[in-house]
Amino acid sequence: MKIAKKYSHLNGEEYLIVHYNNLYKDIKDIVKSINANNFKTKKSKEKNKIGLDLYIPIEINKAFDMAFSKRGWEESRYSYYITLNRELMEKSLLMSAKDQKEYLIKNGENNPIFSYNQTDFVKDKIAVEVQFGKYSFVAYDLFVKHMLFYSGGKINLGIEILATKNMQSQMSSGVAYFEGEVYNVMRQGRNNPPVPLLILGIEP
């Protein structure tokens, strides 16, 4: 596969090139190593695509999982405790989950709620999500997950890998695509979400 399109938010790509160009090369090599035609084996039953061979998103995701894992990228989990007190939240963000709980209880939160998020691949504080799922999954990655890891000091940059519209048109309906998700980010303004991002559109 190849990277056909890129969108850099808050200088995400520039940061990657200057500080982690070796990891950028790693990601490019991984994308290049995936042969999408191996996963174009689903016979469509959808009304406007009957009989066409479609890509299987789950199988493509598995191929990426294996490729990233072989190069030392690992899943990362960020655990935290929820408070609706903004002042307590801001002061506890960079604490460990254990320290967060103790701090919140000490300051009046009797039963702080435990929660966590996990991201597909992290190396040297660079996070990568490969997303061939529904639209809502990508929105959660871009506006919640990457931002949460960033504000918690776990990452310096979030990278989202998506199919281009060209590739998405050869998949089952409902799969998110690069152009649509970049448009959604651009509509929010130049500084939202407040985390450096690099969105990559890939295709065969």
C-alpha atoms as a PDB file:
ATOM      1  CA  MET A   1       0.000   0.000   0.000  1.00  0.00           C
ATOM      2  CA  LYS A   2       1.018   3.630  -0.213  1.00  0.00           C
ATOM      3  CA  ILE A   3       0.427   6.912   1.575  1.00  0.00           C
ATOM      4  CA  ALA A   4      -1.600   8.850  -0.973  1.00  0.00           C
ATOM      5  CA  LYS A   5      -2.661  11.857   1.128  1.00  0.00           C
ATOM      6  CA  LYS A   6      -1.523  13.623   4.297  1.00  0.00           C
ATOM      7  CA  TYR A   7      -2.944  16.250   6.629  1.00  0.00           C
ATOM      8  CA  SER A   8      -0.796  17.849   9.312  1.00  0.00           C
ATOM      9  CA  HIS A   9      -2.653  19.460  12.232  1.00  0.00           C
ATOM     10  CA  LEU A  10      -0.766  21.813  14.570  1.00  0.00           C
ATOM     11  CA  ASN A  11       2.493  20.976  12.779  1.00  0.00           C
ATOM     12  CA  GLY A  12       2.172  17.255  13.461  1.00  0.00           C
ATOM     13  CA  GLU A  13       4.158  16.115  10.419  1.00  0.00           C
ATOM     14  CA  GLU A  14       6.778  18.804  10.879  1.00  0.00           C
ATOM     15  CA  TYR A  15       7.327  17.687  14.480  1.00  0.00           C
ATOM     16  CA  LEU A  16       7.665  14.076  13.354  1.00  0.00           C
ATOM     17  CA  ILE A  17      10.192  14.923  10.620  1.00  0.00           C
ATOM     18  CA  VAL A  18      12.367  17.053  12.901  1.00  0.00           C
ATOM     19  CA  HIS A  19      12.311  14.915  16.047  1.00  0.00           C
ATOM     20  CA  TYR A  20      11.389  11.366  15.006  1.00  0.00           C
ATOM     21  CA  ASN A  21      12.136  10.996  11.318  1.00  0.00           C
ATOM     22  CA  ASN A  22      13.262   7.403  11.950  1.00  0.00           C
ATOM     23  CA  LEU A  23       9.789   6.540  13.264  1.00  0.00           C
ATOM     24  CA  TYR A  24       8.188   8.283  10.285  1.00  0.00           C
ATOM     25  CA  LYS A  25      10.260   6.074   7.999  1.00  0.00           C
ATOM     26  CA  ASP A  26       9.179   3.075  10.084  1.00  0.00           C
ATOM     27  CA  ILE A  27       5.512   3.933   9.505  1.00  0.00           C
ATOM     28  CA  LYS A  28       6.025   4.480   5.769  1.00  0.00           C
ATOM     29  CA  ASP A  29       7.804   1.129   5.480  1.00  0.00           C
ATOM     30  CA  ILE A  30       4.996  -0.632   7.328  1.00  0.00           C
ATOM     31  CA  VAL A  31       2.340   0.840   5.025  1.00  0.00           C
ATOM     32  CA  LYS A  32       4.407  -0.149   2.001  1.00  0.00           C
ATOM     33  CA  SER A  33       4.741  -3.728   3.303  1.00  0.00           C
ATOM     34  CA  ILE A  34       0.970  -4.371   3.314  1.00  0.00           C
ATOM     35  CA  ASN A  35      -0.432  -5.918   0.135  1.00  0.00           C
ATOM     36  CA  ALA A  36      -4.091  -4.882   0.190  1.00  0.00           C
ATOM     37  CA  ASN A  37      -4.981  -7.215  -2.680  1.00  0.00           C
ATOM     38  CA  ASN A  38      -4.516 -10.150  -0.304  1.00  0.00           C
ATOM     39  CA  PHE A  39      -7.593  -8.905   1.557  1.00  0.00           C
ATOM     40  CA  LYS A  40      -9.885  -8.091  -1.372  1.00  0.00           C
ATOM     41  CA  THR A  41     -11.803 -11.336  -1.019  1.00  0.00           C
ATOM     42  CA  LYS A  42     -15.292 -10.418   0.143  1.00  0.00           C
ATOM     43  CA  LYS A  43     -18.135 -10.784  -2.367  1.00  0.00           C
ATOM     44  CA  SER A  44     -20.470  -7.857  -1.889  1.00  0.00           C
ATOM     45  CA  LYS A  45     -24.174  -8.340  -1.252  1.00  0.00           C
ATOM     46  CA  GLU A  46     -24.910  -4.630  -0.984  1.00  0.00           C
ATOM     47  CA  LYS A  47     -27.463  -3.343  -3.472  1.00  0.00           C
ATOM     48  CA  ASN A  48     -25.130  -0.952  -5.298  1.00  0.00           C
ATOM     49  CA  LYS A  49     -22.092  -3.272  -5.138  1.00  0.00           C
ATOM     50  CA  ILE A  50     -23.549  -6.739  -5.744  1.00  0.00           C
ATOM     51  CA  GLY A  51     -20.922  -9.237  -6.852  1.00  0.00           C
ATOM     52  CA  LEU A  52     -17.959  -6.895  -6.507  1.00  0.00           C
ATOM     53  CA  ASP A  53     -14.832  -7.990  -4.660  1.00  0.00           C
ATOM     54  CA  LEU A  54     -14.402  -5.819  -1.556  1.00  0.00           C
ATOM     55  CA  TYR A  55     -11.543  -5.285   0.886  1.00  0.00           C
ATOM     56  CA  ILE A  56     -12.051  -6.804   4.354  1.00  0.00           C
ATOM     57  CA  PRO A  57     -11.238  -4.088   6.941  1.00  0.00           C
ATOM     58  CA  ILE A  58     -10.733  -6.496   9.857  1.00  0.00           C
ATOM     59  CA  GLU A  59      -8.125  -8.494   7.946  1.00  0.00           C
ATOM     60  CA  ILE A  60      -6.258  -5.334   6.908  1.00  0.00           C
ATOM     61  CA  ASN A  61      -6.208  -4.235  10.548  1.00  0.00           C
ATOM     62  CA  LYS A  62      -4.735  -7.607  11.559  1.00  0.00           C
ATOM     63  CA  ALA A  63      -1.976  -7.235   8.965  1.00  0.00           C
ATOM     64  CA  PHE A  64      -1.084  -3.819  10.358  1.00  0.00           C
ATOM     65  CA  ASP A  65      -1.141  -5.193  13.914  1.00  0.00           C
ATOM     66  CA  MET A  66       1.440  -7.809  12.975  1.00  0.00           C
ATOM     67  CA  ALA A  67       3.616  -5.371  11.034  1.00  0.00           C
ATOM     68  CA  PHE A  68       3.741  -2.760  13.811  1.00  0.00           C
ATOM     69  CA  SER A  69       4.328  -5.378  16.509  1.00  0.00           C
ATOM     70  CA  LYS A  70       7.292  -6.835  14.602  1.00  0.00           C
ATOM     71  CA  ARG A  71       8.932  -3.406  14.661  1.00  0.00           C
ATOM     72  CA  GLY A  72       8.522  -2.921  18.390  1.00  0.00           C
ATOM     73  CA  TRP A  73       5.411  -0.758  18.496  1.00  0.00           C
ATOM     74  CA  GLU A  74       3.255  -1.666  21.505  1.00  0.00           C
ATOM     75  CA  GLU A  75      -0.261  -1.037  22.700  1.00  0.00           C
ATOM     76  CA  SER A  76      -0.435   1.551  25.463  1.00  0.00           C
ATOM     77  CA  ARG A  77      -3.038   2.065  28.161  1.00  0.00           C
ATOM     78  CA  TYR A  78      -3.674   5.302  30.028  1.00  0.00           C
ATOM     79  CA  SER A  79      -5.538   4.834  33.305  1.00  0.00           C
ATOM     80  CA  TYR A  80      -7.128   7.728  35.164  1.00  0.00           C
ATOM     81  CA  TYR A  81      -9.865   8.744  37.592  1.00  0.00           C
ATOM     82  CA  ILE A  82     -12.810  10.899  36.586  1.00  0.00           C
ATOM     83  CA  THR A  83     -13.767  14.107  38.351  1.00  0.00           C
ATOM     84  CA  LEU A  84     -16.100  16.847  37.156  1.00  0.00           C
ATOM     85  CA  ASN A  85     -14.252  19.420  39.253  1.00  0.00           C
ATOM     86  CA  ARG A  86     -12.170  21.222  36.628  1.00  0.00           C
ATOM     87  CA  GLU A  87      -9.567  22.501  39.092  1.00  0.00           C
ATOM     88  CA  LEU A  88      -8.967  19.015  40.537  1.00  0.00           C
ATOM     89  CA  MET A  89      -8.881  17.515  37.059  1.00  0.00           C
ATOM     90  CA  GLU A  90      -6.256  19.936  35.782  1.00  0.00           C
ATOM     91  CA  LYS A  91      -4.037  19.441  38.829  1.00  0.00           C
ATOM     92  CA  SER A  92      -4.262  15.637  38.700  1.00  0.00           C
ATOM     93  CA  LEU A  93      -3.812  15.070  34.945  1.00  0.00           C
ATOM     94  CA  LEU A  94      -0.107  14.260  35.051  1.00  0.00           C
ATOM     95  CA  MET A  95      -0.286  12.103  38.191  1.00  0.00           C
ATOM     96  CA  SER A  96      -0.263   8.307  38.122  1.00  0.00           C
ATOM     97  CA  ALA A  97      -3.696   6.687  38.466  1.00  0.00           C
ATOM     98  CA  LYS A  98      -2.890   5.706  42.057  1.00  0.00           C
ATOM     99  CA  ASP A  99      -1.858   9.246  42.978  1.00  0.00           C
ATOM    100  CA  GLN A 100      -4.891  10.674  41.177  1.00  0.00           C
ATOM    101  CA  LYS A 101      -7.235   8.569  43.291  1.00  0.00           C
ATOM    102  CA  GLU A 102      -5.546   9.560  46.537  1.00  0.00           C
ATOM    103  CA  TYR A 103      -5.498  13.227  45.546  1.00  0.00           C
ATOM    104  CA  LEU A 104      -9.179  13.277  44.548  1.00  0.00           C
ATOM    105  CA  ILE A 105     -10.322  11.515  47.729  1.00  0.00           C
ATOM    106  CA  LYS A 106      -8.224  13.889  49.835  1.00  0.00           C
ATOM    107  CA  ASN A 107      -9.970  16.807  48.111  1.00  0.00           C
ATOM    108  CA  GLY A 108     -13.567  15.674  48.558  1.00  0.00           C
ATOM    109  CA  GLU A 109     -14.257  13.123  45.789  1.00  0.00           C
ATOM    110  CA  ASN A 110     -15.533  10.222  47.878  1.00  0.00           C
ATOM    111  CA  ASN A 111     -15.858   7.678  45.065  1.00  0.00           C
ATOM    112  CA  PRO A 112     -13.765   8.725  42.072  1.00  0.00           C
ATOM    113  CA  ILE A 113     -14.613   6.689  38.966  1.00  0.00           C
ATOM    114  CA  PHE A 114     -11.818   4.638  37.411  1.00  0.00           C
ATOM    115  CA  SER A 115     -11.486   4.659  33.630  1.00  0.00           C
ATOM    116  CA  TYR A 116      -8.899   4.049  30.929  1.00  0.00           C
ATOM    117  CA  ASN A 117      -8.180   4.385  27.233  1.00  0.00           C
ATOM    118  CA  GLN A 118      -5.837   2.384  25.068  1.00  0.00           C
ATOM    119  CA  THR A 119      -4.192   3.143  21.781  1.00  0.00           C
ATOM    120  CA  ASP A 120      -3.050   0.670  19.124  1.00  0.00           C
ATOM    121  CA  PHE A 121       0.646   1.441  18.837  1.00  0.00           C
ATOM    122  CA  VAL A 122       3.025   3.680  20.761  1.00  0.00           C
ATOM    123  CA  LYS A 123       6.786   4.141  20.485  1.00  0.00           C
ATOM    124  CA  ASP A 124       8.849   7.012  21.952  1.00  0.00           C
ATOM    125  CA  LYS A 125       5.657   8.951  22.782  1.00  0.00           C
ATOM    126  CA  ILE A 126       4.335   8.758  19.211  1.00  0.00           C
ATOM    127  CA  ALA A 127       0.879   7.107  18.996  1.00  0.00           C
ATOM    128  CA  VAL A 128      -0.556   5.454  15.891  1.00  0.00           C
ATOM    129  CA  GLU A 129      -4.147   4.349  15.344  1.00  0.00           C
ATOM    130  CA  VAL A 130      -4.965   2.281  12.253  1.00  0.00           C
ATOM    131  CA  GLN A 131      -8.678   2.796  11.752  1.00  0.00           C
ATOM    132  CA  PHE A 132     -10.761   0.900   9.223  1.00  0.00           C
ATOM    133  CA  GLY A 133     -13.859   1.053  11.384  1.00  0.00           C
ATOM    134  CA  LYS A 134     -16.988   3.179  11.509  1.00  0.00           C
ATOM    135  CA  TYR A 135     -16.985   6.973  11.405  1.00  0.00           C
ATOM    136  CA  SER A 136     -17.656   7.272  15.141  1.00  0.00           C
ATOM    137  CA  PHE A 137     -14.472   5.355  16.000  1.00  0.00           C
ATOM    138  CA  VAL A 138     -12.296   7.859  14.141  1.00  0.00           C
ATOM    139  CA  ALA A 139     -13.999  10.855  15.762  1.00  0.00           C
ATOM    140  CA  TYR A 140     -13.333   9.299  19.166  1.00  0.00           C
ATOM    141  CA  ASP A 141      -9.662   8.761  18.264  1.00  0.00           C
ATOM    142  CA  LEU A 142      -9.149  12.323  17.030  1.00  0.00           C
ATOM    143  CA  PHE A 143     -11.195  14.308  19.527  1.00  0.00           C
ATOM    144  CA  VAL A 144     -10.933  12.173  22.669  1.00  0.00           C
ATOM    145  CA  LYS A 145      -8.273   9.459  22.697  1.00  0.00           C
ATOM    146  CA  HIS A 146      -5.251  11.264  21.203  1.00  0.00           C
ATOM    147  CA  MET A 147      -6.087  14.388  23.190  1.00  0.00           C
ATOM    148  CA  LEU A 148      -6.414  12.430  26.442  1.00  0.00           C
ATOM    149  CA  PHE A 149      -3.028  10.753  25.962  1.00  0.00           C
ATOM    150  CA  TYR A 150      -1.479  14.090  24.991  1.00  0.00           C
ATOM    151  CA  SER A 151      -2.852  16.061  27.946  1.00  0.00           C
ATOM    152  CA  GLY A 152      -1.810  13.201  30.238  1.00  0.00           C
ATOM    153  CA  GLY A 153       1.786  13.479  29.026  1.00  0.00           C
ATOM    154  CA  LYS A 154       1.798  10.002  27.463  1.00  0.00           C
ATOM    155  CA  ILE A 155       2.340  11.113  23.852  1.00  0.00           C
ATOM    156  CA  ASN A 156       3.661  14.115  21.915  1.00  0.00           C
ATOM    157  CA  LEU A 157       1.864  13.341  18.656  1.00  0.00           C
ATOM    158  CA  GLY A 158      -1.109  11.311  17.461  1.00  0.00           C
ATOM    159  CA  ILE A 159      -1.162   9.662  14.024  1.00  0.00           C
ATOM    160  CA  GLU A 160      -4.337   8.339  12.395  1.00  0.00           C
ATOM    161  CA  ILE A 161      -4.118   5.995   9.398  1.00  0.00           C
ATOM    162  CA  LEU A 162      -7.276   5.856   7.265  1.00  0.00           C
ATOM    163  CA  ALA A 163      -8.354   4.593   3.870  1.00  0.00           C
ATOM    164  CA  THR A 164      -8.745   7.242   1.163  1.00  0.00           C
ATOM    165  CA  LYS A 165     -12.165   7.674  -0.431  1.00  0.00           C
ATOM    166  CA  ASN A 166     -10.822   5.761  -3.424  1.00  0.00           C
ATOM    167  CA  MET A 167     -10.120   2.705  -1.263  1.00  0.00           C
ATOM    168  CA  GLN A 168     -13.149   3.141   0.992  1.00  0.00           C
ATOM    169  CA  SER A 169     -15.434   2.934  -2.056  1.00  0.00           C
ATOM    170  CA  GLN A 170     -14.197  -0.638  -2.455  1.00  0.00           C
ATOM    171  CA  MET A 171     -15.198  -1.605   1.093  1.00  0.00           C
ATOM    172  CA  SER A 172     -18.467  -2.198   2.885  1.00  0.00           C
ATOM    173  CA  SER A 173     -20.482   0.965   3.519  1.00  0.00           C
ATOM    174  CA  GLY A 174     -19.959   2.829   6.776  1.00  0.00           C
ATOM    175  CA  VAL A 175     -16.162   2.773   6.876  1.00  0.00           C
ATOM    176  CA  ALA A 176     -14.542   6.131   7.620  1.00  0.00           C
ATOM    177  CA  TYR A 177     -12.300   7.707   4.990  1.00  0.00           C
ATOM    178  CA  PHE A 178      -9.471  10.244   4.956  1.00  0.00           C
ATOM    179  CA  GLU A 179     -11.146  13.122   3.101  1.00  0.00           C
ATOM    180  CA  GLY A 180     -14.272  13.062   5.256  1.00  0.00           C
ATOM    181  CA  GLU A 181     -12.396  12.949   8.559  1.00  0.00           C
ATOM    182  CA  VAL A 182      -9.936  15.677   7.577  1.00  0.00           C
ATOM    183  CA  TYR A 183     -12.903  17.852   6.605  1.00  0.00           C
ATOM    184  CA  ASN A 184     -14.393  17.250  10.067  1.00  0.00           C
ATOM    185  CA  VAL A 185     -11.151  18.355  11.719  1.00  0.00           C
ATOM    186  CA  MET A 186     -10.825  21.443   9.522  1.00  0.00           C
ATOM    187  CA  ARG A 187     -14.382  22.508  10.347  1.00  0.00           C
ATOM    188  CA  GLN A 188     -13.456  22.720  14.039  1.00  0.00           C
ATOM    189  CA  GLY A 189     -10.947  25.512  13.406  1.00  0.00           C
ATOM    190  CA  ARG A 190      -7.177  25.727  13.356  1.00  0.00           C
ATOM    191  CA  ASN A 191      -6.585  24.842  17.016  1.00  0.00           C
ATOM    192  CA  ASN A 192      -9.138  22.121  17.672  1.00  0.00           C
ATOM    193  CA  PRO A 193      -8.484  19.445  18.758  1.00  0.00           C
ATOM    194  CA  PRO A 194      -5.595  20.944  20.778  1.00  0.00           C
ATOM    195  CA  VAL A 195      -3.146  18.130  20.042  1.00  0.00           C
ATOM    196  CA  PRO A 196      -0.620  17.753  17.177  1.00  0.00           C
ATOM    197  CA  LEU A 197      -1.919  15.213  14.667  1.00  0.00           C
ATOM    198  CA  LEU A 198      -0.861  13.633  11.408  1.00  0.00           C
ATOM    199  CA  ILE A 199      -3.651  12.014   9.408  1.00  0.00           C
ATOM    200  CA  LEU A 200      -2.542   9.663   6.640  1.00  0.00           C
ATOM    201  CA  GLY A 201      -4.748   8.489   3.778  1.00  0.00           C
ATOM    202  CA  ILE A 202      -3.626   5.147   2.369  1.00  0.00           C
ATOM    203  CA  GLU A 203      -4.668   3.059  -0.615  1.00  0.00           C
ATOM    204  CA  PRO A 204      -3.348   0.165  -2.764  1.00  0.00           C
END
